[in-house]
Amino acid sequence: MIQDNKSKILYITQEIDPYLNINGIGALIQKLPSFAQQNGMEIRILMPRFGTINERRHRLHEVVRLSGMNIIIDDDDFALIIKVASLPGSRIQVYFLDNNEFFKRKFVFEDEAGKPFEDNQDRMIFFCKGAIETVRKFGWPPDLVHCHGWMTSLIPFYLKTVYKNDPVFKNSKVVFSIYDNEYQSSFSESFFQKAAINNLKKEQLQIFRDDEGVILEKGVIQFADGIIQGSDEIAENIRLAIEESKKPFISTPKENYLPDYIDFYKTFLS
């Protein structure tokens, strides 16, 4: 048990029960933050405020002191609104990143015909940069950032490049849980320009490219400190890339996986 000088764990996720669970990610990590808290860790959670989330039912309310930032994507400004709720059964706060243009729609990643939204790449960039800027505004330096899902794929890259010397993140370790991802195939060539935030050059984003276009996991594996296999199966080329990286890696079973996650965290917190 970690008792003194509590380790700060930041979860950045595209879904978590009971707010959203469409790809199994939400259910998989639902109990993880509370379990980490029971092991003496200090927890905060960030996720998008998708339009499918019922604000009244889940008692979301805006955090005025955190709202009001603008996130720039390809020279366009997008307002970032922050809302908060308490994770049921705990005192853990979940912060929801909202923007009317990106998240108000009543579907999550696909339209009613099952076609991926053309702006999914823009929504991801907005969420990743917005999440980092929100934590900077907290002034809350996480010891470990655990990312879940393709919507968080740029977080390790940004933290190890743009924000590597930032006082809030300079000592943060990043763990990434890889799941099946069917949406990056819809990304366009403009991704490399749009994701080049701050002083980055689009050439620095080429780590996310392969012969067929965008492959988010490729960049994740290079910049994350540790990798977790979240899905039962992942693509063979991704598995090989993980092995070649020699990064700390675990593939945990769905039953009784919580202690394995905490033990994995501790390899980065010691």
Protein backbone atom coordinates (compact mmCIF):
# COMPACT_ATOMS: atom_id res chain seq x y z
CA MET A 1 0.00 0.00 0.00
CA ILE A 2 1.26 3.48 -0.89
CA GLN A 3 0.53 5.69 2.10
CA ASP A 4 2.87 8.67 2.18
CA ASN A 5 3.26 11.23 -0.60
CA LYS A 6 0.39 9.79 -2.58
CA SER A 7 1.18 9.01 -6.19
CA LYS A 8 -0.99 11.03 -8.57
CA ILE A 9 -2.60 8.96 -11.33
CA LEU A 10 -4.32 10.71 -14.23
CA TYR A 11 -6.68 8.69 -16.40
CA ILE A 12 -7.39 10.06 -19.85
CA THR A 13 -9.99 7.93 -21.56
CA GLN A 14 -12.55 8.04 -24.34
CA GLU A 15 -15.09 6.17 -22.24
CA ILE A 16 -15.82 4.90 -18.74
CA ASP A 17 -18.92 3.34 -17.24
CA PRO A 18 -21.52 4.53 -16.33
CA TYR A 19 -21.14 7.47 -18.70
CA LEU A 20 -20.16 5.60 -21.86
CA ASN A 21 -19.27 2.02 -22.76
CA ILE A 22 -19.39 1.23 -26.46
CA ASN A 23 -16.14 -0.61 -27.14
CA GLY A 24 -15.72 -2.39 -23.82
CA ILE A 25 -13.16 0.16 -22.64
CA GLY A 26 -15.62 1.81 -20.27
CA ALA A 27 -16.46 -1.45 -18.53
CA LEU A 28 -12.85 -2.61 -18.41
CA ILE A 29 -11.58 0.42 -16.50
CA GLN A 30 -14.72 1.21 -14.53
CA LYS A 31 -13.30 -0.25 -11.32
CA LEU A 32 -9.66 0.68 -11.90
CA PRO A 33 -9.64 4.28 -10.58
CA SER A 34 -11.39 3.29 -7.36
CA PHE A 35 -9.03 0.36 -6.89
CA ALA A 36 -6.04 2.64 -7.40
CA GLN A 37 -7.49 5.06 -4.87
CA GLN A 38 -7.91 2.21 -2.37
CA ASN A 39 -4.20 1.51 -2.88
CA GLY A 40 -3.36 4.98 -1.66
CA MET A 41 -3.20 6.83 -4.97
CA GLU A 42 -4.71 10.21 -5.81
CA ILE A 43 -6.90 10.03 -8.90
CA ARG A 44 -8.36 12.31 -11.55
CA ILE A 45 -10.14 11.32 -14.75
CA LEU A 46 -10.67 13.17 -18.04
CA MET A 47 -12.94 12.14 -20.92
CA PRO A 48 -14.93 13.78 -23.74
CA ARG A 49 -18.47 14.95 -22.97
CA PHE A 50 -20.13 13.14 -25.84
CA GLY A 51 -23.72 14.12 -26.65
CA THR A 52 -24.94 10.68 -25.60
CA ILE A 53 -24.06 11.45 -21.96
CA ASN A 54 -27.08 12.62 -20.00
CA GLU A 55 -25.92 15.61 -17.95
CA ARG A 56 -28.96 15.69 -15.67
CA ARG A 57 -28.87 11.99 -14.86
CA HIS A 58 -25.15 12.02 -14.13
CA ARG A 59 -25.20 15.43 -12.44
CA LEU A 60 -22.64 17.15 -14.58
CA HIS A 61 -22.01 20.82 -13.97
CA GLU A 62 -19.67 23.30 -15.57
CA VAL A 63 -16.42 24.27 -13.85
CA VAL A 64 -16.31 27.94 -14.72
CA ARG A 65 -12.77 28.50 -13.45
CA LEU A 66 -11.47 25.85 -15.87
CA SER A 67 -13.65 26.73 -18.87
CA GLY A 68 -12.92 29.56 -21.26
CA MET A 69 -9.81 28.24 -22.96
CA ASN A 70 -9.61 28.01 -26.74
CA ILE A 71 -7.89 25.11 -28.47
CA ILE A 72 -6.33 25.91 -31.83
CA ILE A 73 -6.48 23.33 -34.62
CA ASP A 74 -5.06 24.35 -37.98
CA ASP A 75 -5.48 28.08 -37.17
CA ASP A 76 -9.11 27.65 -36.06
CA ASP A 77 -10.15 28.33 -32.46
CA PHE A 78 -12.49 25.96 -30.63
CA ALA A 79 -13.93 26.76 -27.21
CA LEU A 80 -13.14 24.27 -24.44
CA ILE A 81 -15.82 23.84 -21.79
CA ILE A 82 -15.06 21.76 -18.69
CA LYS A 83 -17.75 19.93 -16.73
CA VAL A 84 -17.41 17.66 -13.73
CA ALA A 85 -19.22 14.85 -11.94
CA SER A 86 -18.35 12.37 -9.22
CA LEU A 87 -17.75 8.78 -10.28
CA PRO A 88 -20.59 6.79 -8.67
CA GLY A 89 -19.55 4.91 -5.56
CA SER A 90 -16.47 7.04 -5.00
CA ARG A 91 -15.29 10.58 -4.41
CA ILE A 92 -13.27 10.57 -7.61
CA GLN A 93 -13.98 13.49 -9.92
CA VAL A 94 -14.45 12.95 -13.63
CA TYR A 95 -13.79 16.01 -15.79
CA PHE A 96 -15.62 16.15 -19.12
CA LEU A 97 -14.18 18.13 -22.03
CA ASP A 98 -16.93 19.64 -24.13
CA ASN A 99 -17.26 21.59 -27.34
CA ASN A 100 -20.52 22.07 -29.24
CA GLU A 101 -19.01 21.54 -32.67
CA PHE A 102 -17.20 18.31 -31.79
CA PHE A 103 -19.25 16.61 -29.10
CA LYS A 104 -22.84 17.84 -29.11
CA ARG A 105 -24.01 15.29 -31.71
CA LYS A 106 -26.03 12.31 -30.50
CA PHE A 107 -23.67 9.74 -31.96
CA VAL A 108 -20.15 9.04 -30.73
CA PHE A 109 -17.76 8.07 -33.55
CA GLU A 110 -20.11 7.16 -36.41
CA ASP A 111 -23.24 8.68 -37.90
CA GLU A 112 -26.59 6.88 -37.89
CA ALA A 113 -25.60 5.04 -41.07
CA GLY A 114 -22.47 3.64 -39.40
CA LYS A 115 -20.03 5.86 -41.31
CA PRO A 116 -17.14 7.31 -39.25
CA PHE A 117 -17.35 11.07 -38.81
CA GLU A 118 -15.01 12.89 -41.17
CA ASP A 119 -13.80 15.11 -38.33
CA ASN A 120 -12.86 12.27 -35.96
CA GLN A 121 -9.21 13.23 -36.36
CA ASP A 122 -9.99 16.84 -35.42
CA ARG A 123 -12.02 15.70 -32.42
CA MET A 124 -9.10 13.58 -31.25
CA ILE A 125 -6.60 16.41 -31.59
CA PHE A 126 -8.94 18.77 -29.74
CA PHE A 127 -9.43 16.27 -26.92
CA CYS A 128 -5.73 15.40 -26.52
CA LYS A 129 -4.54 19.00 -26.43
CA GLY A 130 -7.52 20.07 -24.34
CA ALA A 131 -6.85 17.34 -21.78
CA ILE A 132 -3.25 18.42 -21.35
CA GLU A 133 -4.14 22.10 -21.08
CA THR A 134 -6.85 21.31 -18.52
CA VAL A 135 -4.38 19.49 -16.27
CA ARG A 136 -1.94 22.38 -16.63
CA LYS A 137 -4.71 24.67 -15.44
CA PHE A 138 -5.28 22.34 -12.46
CA GLY A 139 -1.61 22.78 -11.55
CA TRP A 140 -1.77 19.10 -10.61
CA PRO A 141 1.39 17.23 -11.71
CA PRO A 142 0.56 13.54 -12.35
CA ASP A 143 3.21 10.96 -11.56
CA LEU A 144 1.63 8.63 -14.10
CA VAL A 145 -0.77 9.24 -16.99
CA HIS A 146 -2.78 6.20 -18.10
CA CYS A 147 -4.37 6.64 -21.53
CA HIS A 148 -7.21 4.47 -22.83
CA GLY A 149 -8.37 4.27 -26.43
CA TRP A 150 -7.47 5.73 -29.81
CA MET A 151 -8.91 9.15 -28.89
CA THR A 152 -5.93 9.57 -26.51
CA SER A 153 -3.24 8.43 -28.96
CA LEU A 154 -1.49 11.79 -29.22
CA ILE A 155 -1.06 12.23 -25.47
CA PRO A 156 2.25 10.30 -25.14
CA PHE A 157 3.68 12.10 -28.17
CA TYR A 158 2.68 15.56 -26.96
CA LEU A 159 3.93 14.93 -23.42
CA LYS A 160 7.33 13.76 -24.68
CA THR A 161 7.76 16.62 -27.16
CA VAL A 162 5.78 19.86 -26.71
CA TYR A 163 5.31 19.48 -22.94
CA LYS A 164 8.48 17.60 -21.99
CA ASN A 165 9.83 20.52 -19.96
CA ASP A 166 6.49 21.73 -18.64
CA PRO A 167 6.55 21.88 -14.80
CA VAL A 168 3.31 19.91 -14.58
CA PHE A 169 4.39 17.04 -16.84
CA LYS A 170 8.18 16.93 -16.92
CA ASN A 171 8.32 14.04 -14.42
CA SER A 172 5.22 12.18 -15.65
CA LYS A 173 5.38 8.62 -16.93
CA VAL A 174 2.87 7.54 -19.56
CA VAL A 175 1.17 4.15 -19.81
CA PHE A 176 -1.04 3.44 -22.81
CA SER A 177 -3.70 0.74 -23.10
CA ILE A 178 -4.06 -0.39 -26.72
CA TYR A 179 -7.45 -1.59 -27.94
CA ASP A 180 -8.87 -2.52 -31.33
CA ASN A 181 -9.07 0.63 -33.46
CA GLU A 182 -11.21 0.80 -36.57
CA TYR A 183 -11.36 4.56 -37.02
CA GLN A 184 -7.88 5.69 -38.00
CA SER A 185 -8.44 4.31 -41.51
CA SER A 186 -10.74 7.29 -42.09
CA PHE A 187 -8.03 9.83 -41.23
CA SER A 188 -6.83 12.05 -44.07
CA GLU A 189 -3.45 13.47 -45.03
CA SER A 190 -4.42 16.68 -43.22
CA PHE A 191 -3.97 14.86 -39.91
CA PHE A 192 -0.21 15.43 -39.99
CA GLN A 193 -0.62 19.19 -40.36
CA LYS A 194 -3.47 19.58 -37.89
CA ALA A 195 -1.83 17.49 -35.16
CA ALA A 196 1.34 19.60 -35.34
CA ILE A 197 0.32 21.82 -32.42
CA ASN A 198 2.38 24.65 -30.92
CA ASN A 199 5.84 24.65 -32.50
CA LEU A 200 5.74 21.12 -33.89
CA LYS A 201 6.36 20.50 -37.59
CA LYS A 202 4.19 18.11 -39.55
CA GLU A 203 7.33 16.10 -40.32
CA GLN A 204 7.52 15.18 -36.62
CA LEU A 205 4.14 13.47 -36.97
CA GLN A 206 5.47 11.02 -39.56
CA ILE A 207 5.99 8.51 -36.76
CA PHE A 208 2.22 7.97 -37.01
CA ARG A 209 2.44 6.96 -40.68
CA ASP A 210 2.89 3.65 -42.47
CA ASP A 211 2.53 2.62 -46.11
CA GLU A 212 -1.26 2.64 -45.85
CA GLY A 213 -1.68 5.99 -44.06
CA VAL A 214 -2.15 6.84 -40.39
CA ILE A 215 -1.32 4.18 -37.81
CA LEU A 216 -1.73 5.73 -34.38
CA GLU A 217 -0.30 2.79 -32.44
CA LYS A 218 3.07 3.26 -34.13
CA GLY A 219 3.57 6.64 -32.50
CA VAL A 220 2.04 5.50 -29.21
CA ILE A 221 4.53 2.64 -28.88
CA GLN A 222 7.50 4.92 -29.49
CA PHE A 223 6.54 7.60 -26.97
CA ALA A 224 4.73 5.74 -24.17
CA ASP A 225 6.80 4.46 -21.25
CA GLY A 226 4.72 1.31 -20.92
CA ILE A 227 2.07 -0.54 -22.93
CA ILE A 228 -0.96 -2.57 -21.85
CA GLN A 229 -2.96 -4.77 -24.20
CA GLY A 230 -6.54 -3.86 -23.43
CA SER A 231 -8.33 -5.95 -26.06
CA ASP A 232 -8.37 -9.73 -26.29
CA GLU A 233 -6.70 -9.44 -29.69
CA ILE A 234 -4.55 -6.79 -31.33
CA ALA A 235 -3.12 -6.70 -34.84
CA GLU A 236 -0.02 -8.80 -35.38
CA ASN A 237 2.01 -5.86 -36.68
CA ILE A 238 1.20 -3.94 -33.51
CA ARG A 239 2.21 -6.86 -31.32
CA LEU A 240 5.52 -7.14 -33.19
CA ALA A 241 6.13 -3.39 -32.82
CA ILE A 242 5.58 -3.66 -29.07
CA GLU A 243 8.03 -6.55 -28.82
CA GLU A 244 10.64 -4.70 -30.86
CA SER A 245 10.29 -1.60 -28.69
CA LYS A 246 11.28 -3.60 -25.58
CA LYS A 247 8.99 -1.29 -23.58
CA PRO A 248 7.44 -2.68 -20.38
CA PHE A 249 4.31 -4.54 -21.49
CA ILE A 250 1.52 -6.56 -19.95
CA SER A 251 -1.45 -8.37 -21.42
CA THR A 252 -3.81 -8.78 -18.52
CA PRO A 253 -6.80 -11.12 -18.27
CA LYS A 254 -10.19 -9.52 -17.74
CA GLU A 255 -10.74 -11.31 -14.44
CA ASN A 256 -8.76 -10.11 -11.46
CA TYR A 257 -6.73 -7.71 -13.59
CA LEU A 258 -6.78 -4.82 -11.12
CA PRO A 259 -3.77 -5.91 -8.99
CA ASP A 260 -1.77 -6.47 -12.19
CA TYR A 261 -2.42 -2.89 -13.26
CA ILE A 262 -1.34 -1.50 -9.89
CA ASP A 263 1.82 -3.60 -9.89
CA PHE A 264 2.56 -2.33 -13.40
CA TYR A 265 2.10 1.26 -12.21
CA LYS A 266 4.55 0.71 -9.37
CA THR A 267 7.35 -0.16 -11.82
CA PHE A 268 7.17 3.46 -12.97
CA LEU A 269 6.54 5.06 -9.59
CA SER A 270 9.47 3.68 -7.61
